[in-house]
Amino acid sequence: MTDKKEYCIGSLAAVEAGEAILVEAGGQDVALFMCRGKVVATNGQCPHAEGPLHEGEVDGAILTCPWHGWTFDLETGECQEDDSIILERYPVRIDGDDVFVSL
């Protein structure tokens, strides 16, 4: 079993500004979103066709991928078009203005 590693991947102020952010952590793309007052970290690529999720739109808790319009619940990772597809989400910790994610 691999231990998770924590990475400092951005500033809370930047995420609170309303724009999704794409960062690299541990060789992996991670997208940060503000969802109902909480920072959510997901895989940066859509599990459907690897679209750039940080370019998608968020409405409430629903993220729409910009490539094919597939939608994901940011609170659960569930895909609304195919319930067998789950968007990978990562644990987030806030310390001051720093956003940390565990991968």
N, C-alpha and C. Protein backbone atom coordinates (compact mmCIF):
# COMPACT_ATOMS: atom_id res chain seq x y z
N MET A 1 0.84 -1.18 0.00
CA MET A 1 0.00 0.00 0.00
C MET A 1 0.89 1.24 0.00
N THR A 2 0.55 2.20 -0.83
CA THR A 2 1.33 3.42 -0.94
C THR A 2 0.77 4.48 0.00
N ASP A 3 1.67 5.13 0.74
CA ASP A 3 1.24 6.23 1.60
C ASP A 3 0.94 7.44 0.75
N LYS A 4 -0.08 8.19 1.15
CA LYS A 4 -0.41 9.43 0.45
C LYS A 4 0.59 10.49 0.85
N LYS A 5 0.89 11.37 -0.09
CA LYS A 5 1.79 12.48 0.16
C LYS A 5 0.99 13.77 0.03
N GLU A 6 1.29 14.74 0.89
CA GLU A 6 0.58 16.01 0.87
C GLU A 6 1.41 17.05 0.11
N TYR A 7 0.73 17.81 -0.75
CA TYR A 7 1.38 18.84 -1.56
C TYR A 7 0.68 20.18 -1.32
N CYS A 8 1.47 21.25 -1.21
CA CYS A 8 0.92 22.61 -1.19
C CYS A 8 0.74 23.00 -2.65
N ILE A 9 -0.52 23.24 -3.05
CA ILE A 9 -0.78 23.42 -4.48
C ILE A 9 -1.39 24.75 -4.86
N GLY A 10 -1.59 25.65 -3.92
CA GLY A 10 -2.15 26.93 -4.32
C GLY A 10 -2.57 27.77 -3.15
N SER A 11 -3.14 28.92 -3.47
CA SER A 11 -3.60 29.83 -2.43
C SER A 11 -5.11 29.84 -2.36
N LEU A 12 -5.62 29.89 -1.15
CA LEU A 12 -7.06 29.95 -0.93
C LEU A 12 -7.65 31.18 -1.61
N ALA A 13 -6.94 32.31 -1.54
CA ALA A 13 -7.44 33.54 -2.15
C ALA A 13 -7.65 33.37 -3.65
N ALA A 14 -6.76 32.65 -4.32
CA ALA A 14 -6.88 32.45 -5.76
C ALA A 14 -8.12 31.61 -6.09
N VAL A 15 -8.37 30.57 -5.31
CA VAL A 15 -9.53 29.73 -5.56
C VAL A 15 -10.81 30.48 -5.22
N GLU A 16 -10.78 31.26 -4.15
CA GLU A 16 -11.95 32.04 -3.76
C GLU A 16 -12.30 33.11 -4.78
N ALA A 17 -11.33 33.50 -5.62
CA ALA A 17 -11.58 34.50 -6.66
C ALA A 17 -12.56 33.99 -7.71
N GLY A 18 -12.81 32.66 -7.70
CA GLY A 18 -13.85 32.11 -8.57
C GLY A 18 -13.37 31.35 -9.78
N GLU A 19 -12.10 31.43 -10.10
CA GLU A 19 -11.58 30.71 -11.26
C GLU A 19 -11.06 29.35 -10.82
N ALA A 20 -11.35 28.33 -11.62
CA ALA A 20 -10.75 27.02 -11.37
C ALA A 20 -9.26 27.12 -11.66
N ILE A 21 -8.50 26.32 -10.97
CA ILE A 21 -7.03 26.36 -11.09
C ILE A 21 -6.54 24.96 -11.43
N LEU A 22 -5.60 24.87 -12.36
CA LEU A 22 -4.95 23.61 -12.68
C LEU A 22 -3.52 23.68 -12.18
N VAL A 23 -3.11 22.69 -11.41
CA VAL A 23 -1.74 22.62 -10.89
C VAL A 23 -1.21 21.21 -11.09
N GLU A 24 0.09 21.08 -10.98
CA GLU A 24 0.73 19.78 -11.04
C GLU A 24 1.21 19.44 -9.65
N ALA A 25 0.91 18.24 -9.20
CA ALA A 25 1.36 17.77 -7.89
C ALA A 25 1.76 16.30 -8.02
N GLY A 26 2.98 16.00 -7.67
CA GLY A 26 3.43 14.62 -7.74
C GLY A 26 3.32 14.02 -9.13
N GLY A 27 3.53 14.84 -10.17
CA GLY A 27 3.46 14.35 -11.54
C GLY A 27 2.04 14.19 -12.07
N GLN A 28 1.07 14.71 -11.36
CA GLN A 28 -0.33 14.55 -11.73
C GLN A 28 -1.02 15.91 -11.83
N ASP A 29 -1.90 16.06 -12.83
CA ASP A 29 -2.70 17.29 -12.93
C ASP A 29 -3.82 17.25 -11.90
N VAL A 30 -3.96 18.35 -11.16
CA VAL A 30 -5.01 18.48 -10.14
C VAL A 30 -5.75 19.78 -10.42
N ALA A 31 -7.08 19.71 -10.45
CA ALA A 31 -7.91 20.89 -10.63
C ALA A 31 -8.51 21.28 -9.29
N LEU A 32 -8.49 22.59 -9.01
CA LEU A 32 -9.09 23.12 -7.78
C LEU A 32 -10.31 23.96 -8.14
N PHE A 33 -11.40 23.72 -7.42
CA PHE A 33 -12.64 24.45 -7.63
C PHE A 33 -13.18 24.94 -6.29
N MET A 34 -13.95 26.02 -6.33
CA MET A 34 -14.71 26.45 -5.17
C MET A 34 -16.12 25.90 -5.38
N CYS A 35 -16.59 25.11 -4.44
CA CYS A 35 -17.91 24.48 -4.54
C CYS A 35 -18.66 24.69 -3.24
N ARG A 36 -19.68 25.54 -3.31
CA ARG A 36 -20.52 25.81 -2.14
C ARG A 36 -19.70 26.19 -0.91
N GLY A 37 -18.71 27.07 -1.14
CA GLY A 37 -17.90 27.58 -0.05
C GLY A 37 -16.74 26.70 0.38
N LYS A 38 -16.54 25.57 -0.29
CA LYS A 38 -15.44 24.67 0.05
C LYS A 38 -14.54 24.47 -1.16
N VAL A 39 -13.24 24.29 -0.90
CA VAL A 39 -12.30 23.99 -1.96
C VAL A 39 -12.37 22.49 -2.24
N VAL A 40 -12.52 22.15 -3.52
CA VAL A 40 -12.57 20.76 -3.95
C VAL A 40 -11.42 20.53 -4.92
N ALA A 41 -10.69 19.44 -4.72
CA ALA A 41 -9.59 19.06 -5.62
C ALA A 41 -9.98 17.77 -6.34
N THR A 42 -9.82 17.78 -7.67
CA THR A 42 -10.13 16.61 -8.48
C THR A 42 -8.98 16.32 -9.43
N ASN A 43 -9.06 15.17 -10.07
CA ASN A 43 -8.15 14.89 -11.17
C ASN A 43 -8.36 16.00 -12.19
N GLY A 44 -7.29 16.47 -12.81
CA GLY A 44 -7.38 17.57 -13.76
C GLY A 44 -7.96 17.19 -15.10
N GLN A 45 -8.07 15.87 -15.37
CA GLN A 45 -8.58 15.42 -16.67
C GLN A 45 -9.89 14.68 -16.48
N CYS A 46 -10.81 14.94 -17.38
CA CYS A 46 -12.11 14.27 -17.35
C CYS A 46 -11.92 12.76 -17.52
N PRO A 47 -12.57 11.95 -16.68
CA PRO A 47 -12.44 10.49 -16.81
C PRO A 47 -13.13 9.94 -18.06
N HIS A 48 -13.94 10.74 -18.72
CA HIS A 48 -14.62 10.31 -19.95
C HIS A 48 -13.67 10.33 -21.14
N ALA A 49 -13.05 11.51 -21.41
CA ALA A 49 -12.18 11.62 -22.59
C ALA A 49 -10.97 12.51 -22.34
N GLU A 50 -10.59 12.68 -21.08
CA GLU A 50 -9.40 13.42 -20.66
C GLU A 50 -9.44 14.91 -21.00
N GLY A 51 -10.63 15.49 -21.05
CA GLY A 51 -10.76 16.93 -21.28
C GLY A 51 -10.22 17.72 -20.09
N PRO A 52 -9.86 18.99 -20.31
CA PRO A 52 -9.29 19.84 -19.26
C PRO A 52 -10.39 20.39 -18.33
N LEU A 53 -10.60 19.73 -17.21
CA LEU A 53 -11.72 20.08 -16.34
C LEU A 53 -11.64 21.49 -15.78
N HIS A 54 -10.44 22.03 -15.60
CA HIS A 54 -10.34 23.39 -15.06
C HIS A 54 -10.93 24.43 -16.01
N GLU A 55 -11.16 24.05 -17.27
CA GLU A 55 -11.78 24.95 -18.24
C GLU A 55 -13.30 24.79 -18.27
N GLY A 56 -13.82 23.86 -17.46
CA GLY A 56 -15.25 23.62 -17.42
C GLY A 56 -15.98 24.66 -16.59
N GLU A 57 -17.31 24.58 -16.60
CA GLU A 57 -18.13 25.50 -15.82
C GLU A 57 -18.69 24.80 -14.60
N VAL A 58 -18.77 25.55 -13.50
CA VAL A 58 -19.34 25.03 -12.26
C VAL A 58 -20.63 25.80 -11.98
N ASP A 59 -21.70 25.04 -11.77
CA ASP A 59 -23.00 25.61 -11.40
C ASP A 59 -23.45 24.88 -10.14
N GLY A 60 -23.38 25.56 -9.00
CA GLY A 60 -23.66 24.90 -7.73
C GLY A 60 -22.57 23.88 -7.47
N ALA A 61 -22.94 22.61 -7.44
CA ALA A 61 -21.95 21.54 -7.24
C ALA A 61 -21.68 20.77 -8.52
N ILE A 62 -22.25 21.22 -9.65
CA ILE A 62 -22.12 20.47 -10.90
C ILE A 62 -21.05 21.09 -11.80
N LEU A 63 -20.08 20.28 -12.16
CA LEU A 63 -19.00 20.66 -13.07
C LEU A 63 -19.32 20.08 -14.44
N THR A 64 -19.27 20.91 -15.48
CA THR A 64 -19.50 20.46 -16.85
C THR A 64 -18.17 20.50 -17.60
N CYS A 65 -17.78 19.35 -18.15
CA CYS A 65 -16.54 19.26 -18.92
C CYS A 65 -16.70 20.06 -20.21
N PRO A 66 -15.67 20.85 -20.58
CA PRO A 66 -15.78 21.70 -21.77
C PRO A 66 -15.74 20.93 -23.09
N TRP A 67 -15.28 19.70 -23.11
CA TRP A 67 -15.16 18.99 -24.37
C TRP A 67 -16.47 18.37 -24.85
N HIS A 68 -17.12 17.58 -24.01
CA HIS A 68 -18.31 16.85 -24.44
C HIS A 68 -19.54 17.14 -23.59
N GLY A 69 -19.40 18.05 -22.63
CA GLY A 69 -20.54 18.43 -21.82
C GLY A 69 -20.93 17.44 -20.74
N TRP A 70 -20.08 16.45 -20.48
CA TRP A 70 -20.40 15.51 -19.41
C TRP A 70 -20.35 16.26 -18.08
N THR A 71 -21.20 15.87 -17.15
CA THR A 71 -21.32 16.58 -15.89
C THR A 71 -20.98 15.69 -14.71
N PHE A 72 -20.35 16.32 -13.70
CA PHE A 72 -19.90 15.62 -12.51
C PHE A 72 -20.32 16.39 -11.27
N ASP A 73 -20.73 15.67 -10.25
CA ASP A 73 -21.05 16.27 -8.96
C ASP A 73 -19.73 16.44 -8.21
N LEU A 74 -19.34 17.67 -7.94
CA LEU A 74 -18.05 17.92 -7.27
C LEU A 74 -18.05 17.42 -5.83
N GLU A 75 -19.22 17.25 -5.23
CA GLU A 75 -19.28 16.78 -3.84
C GLU A 75 -19.12 15.26 -3.72
N THR A 76 -19.48 14.53 -4.79
CA THR A 76 -19.40 13.07 -4.74
C THR A 76 -18.50 12.47 -5.81
N GLY A 77 -18.26 13.21 -6.89
CA GLY A 77 -17.49 12.70 -8.02
C GLY A 77 -18.34 11.95 -9.04
N GLU A 78 -19.63 11.76 -8.75
CA GLU A 78 -20.49 10.98 -9.64
C GLU A 78 -20.72 11.68 -10.98
N CYS A 79 -20.70 10.89 -12.04
CA CYS A 79 -20.98 11.37 -13.38
C CYS A 79 -22.47 11.21 -13.64
N GLN A 80 -23.09 12.26 -14.13
CA GLN A 80 -24.53 12.21 -14.36
C GLN A 80 -24.90 11.48 -15.65
N GLU A 81 -23.97 11.32 -16.57
CA GLU A 81 -24.24 10.62 -17.82
C GLU A 81 -23.98 9.12 -17.73
N ASP A 82 -23.08 8.70 -16.84
CA ASP A 82 -22.71 7.29 -16.72
C ASP A 82 -22.31 7.03 -15.28
N ASP A 83 -23.19 6.34 -14.53
CA ASP A 83 -22.92 6.16 -13.10
C ASP A 83 -21.76 5.20 -12.80
N SER A 84 -21.18 4.60 -13.85
CA SER A 84 -20.00 3.76 -13.62
C SER A 84 -18.71 4.58 -13.63
N ILE A 85 -18.81 5.86 -14.02
CA ILE A 85 -17.65 6.75 -14.07
C ILE A 85 -17.68 7.67 -12.86
N ILE A 86 -16.57 7.72 -12.15
CA ILE A 86 -16.44 8.58 -10.98
C ILE A 86 -15.23 9.49 -11.18
N LEU A 87 -15.43 10.78 -10.98
CA LEU A 87 -14.33 11.75 -11.02
C LEU A 87 -13.54 11.62 -9.73
N GLU A 88 -12.25 11.36 -9.87
CA GLU A 88 -11.40 11.19 -8.68
C GLU A 88 -11.26 12.52 -7.94
N ARG A 89 -11.53 12.49 -6.64
CA ARG A 89 -11.42 13.66 -5.76
C ARG A 89 -10.33 13.38 -4.74
N TYR A 90 -9.69 14.45 -4.26
CA TYR A 90 -8.58 14.30 -3.33
C TYR A 90 -8.86 15.09 -2.04
N PRO A 91 -8.40 14.58 -0.92
CA PRO A 91 -8.57 15.31 0.34
C PRO A 91 -7.84 16.65 0.30
N VAL A 92 -8.51 17.69 0.81
CA VAL A 92 -7.97 19.05 0.84
C VAL A 92 -7.84 19.50 2.27
N ARG A 93 -6.75 20.21 2.54
CA ARG A 93 -6.54 20.83 3.86
C ARG A 93 -6.14 22.27 3.62
N ILE A 94 -6.73 23.17 4.38
CA ILE A 94 -6.41 24.59 4.30
C ILE A 94 -5.61 24.98 5.53
N ASP A 95 -4.50 25.70 5.33
CA ASP A 95 -3.70 26.23 6.44
C ASP A 95 -3.37 27.66 6.09
N GLY A 96 -4.08 28.59 6.74
CA GLY A 96 -3.92 30.00 6.39
C GLY A 96 -4.42 30.22 4.99
N ASP A 97 -3.54 30.70 4.09
CA ASP A 97 -3.91 30.91 2.69
C ASP A 97 -3.44 29.75 1.81
N ASP A 98 -2.77 28.75 2.38
CA ASP A 98 -2.24 27.65 1.61
C ASP A 98 -3.25 26.52 1.48
N VAL A 99 -3.36 25.98 0.26
CA VAL A 99 -4.22 24.83 0.00
C VAL A 99 -3.32 23.63 -0.20
N PHE A 100 -3.58 22.57 0.58
CA PHE A 100 -2.82 21.34 0.49
C PHE A 100 -3.74 20.23 -0.02
N VAL A 101 -3.19 19.32 -0.81
CA VAL A 101 -3.94 18.17 -1.29
C VAL A 101 -3.12 16.92 -1.01
N SER A 102 -3.83 15.83 -0.68
CA SER A 102 -3.18 14.56 -0.44
C SER A 102 -3.41 13.64 -1.64
N LEU A 103 -2.32 13.15 -2.21
CA LEU A 103 -2.41 12.22 -3.36
C LEU A 103 -1.80 10.88 -2.99
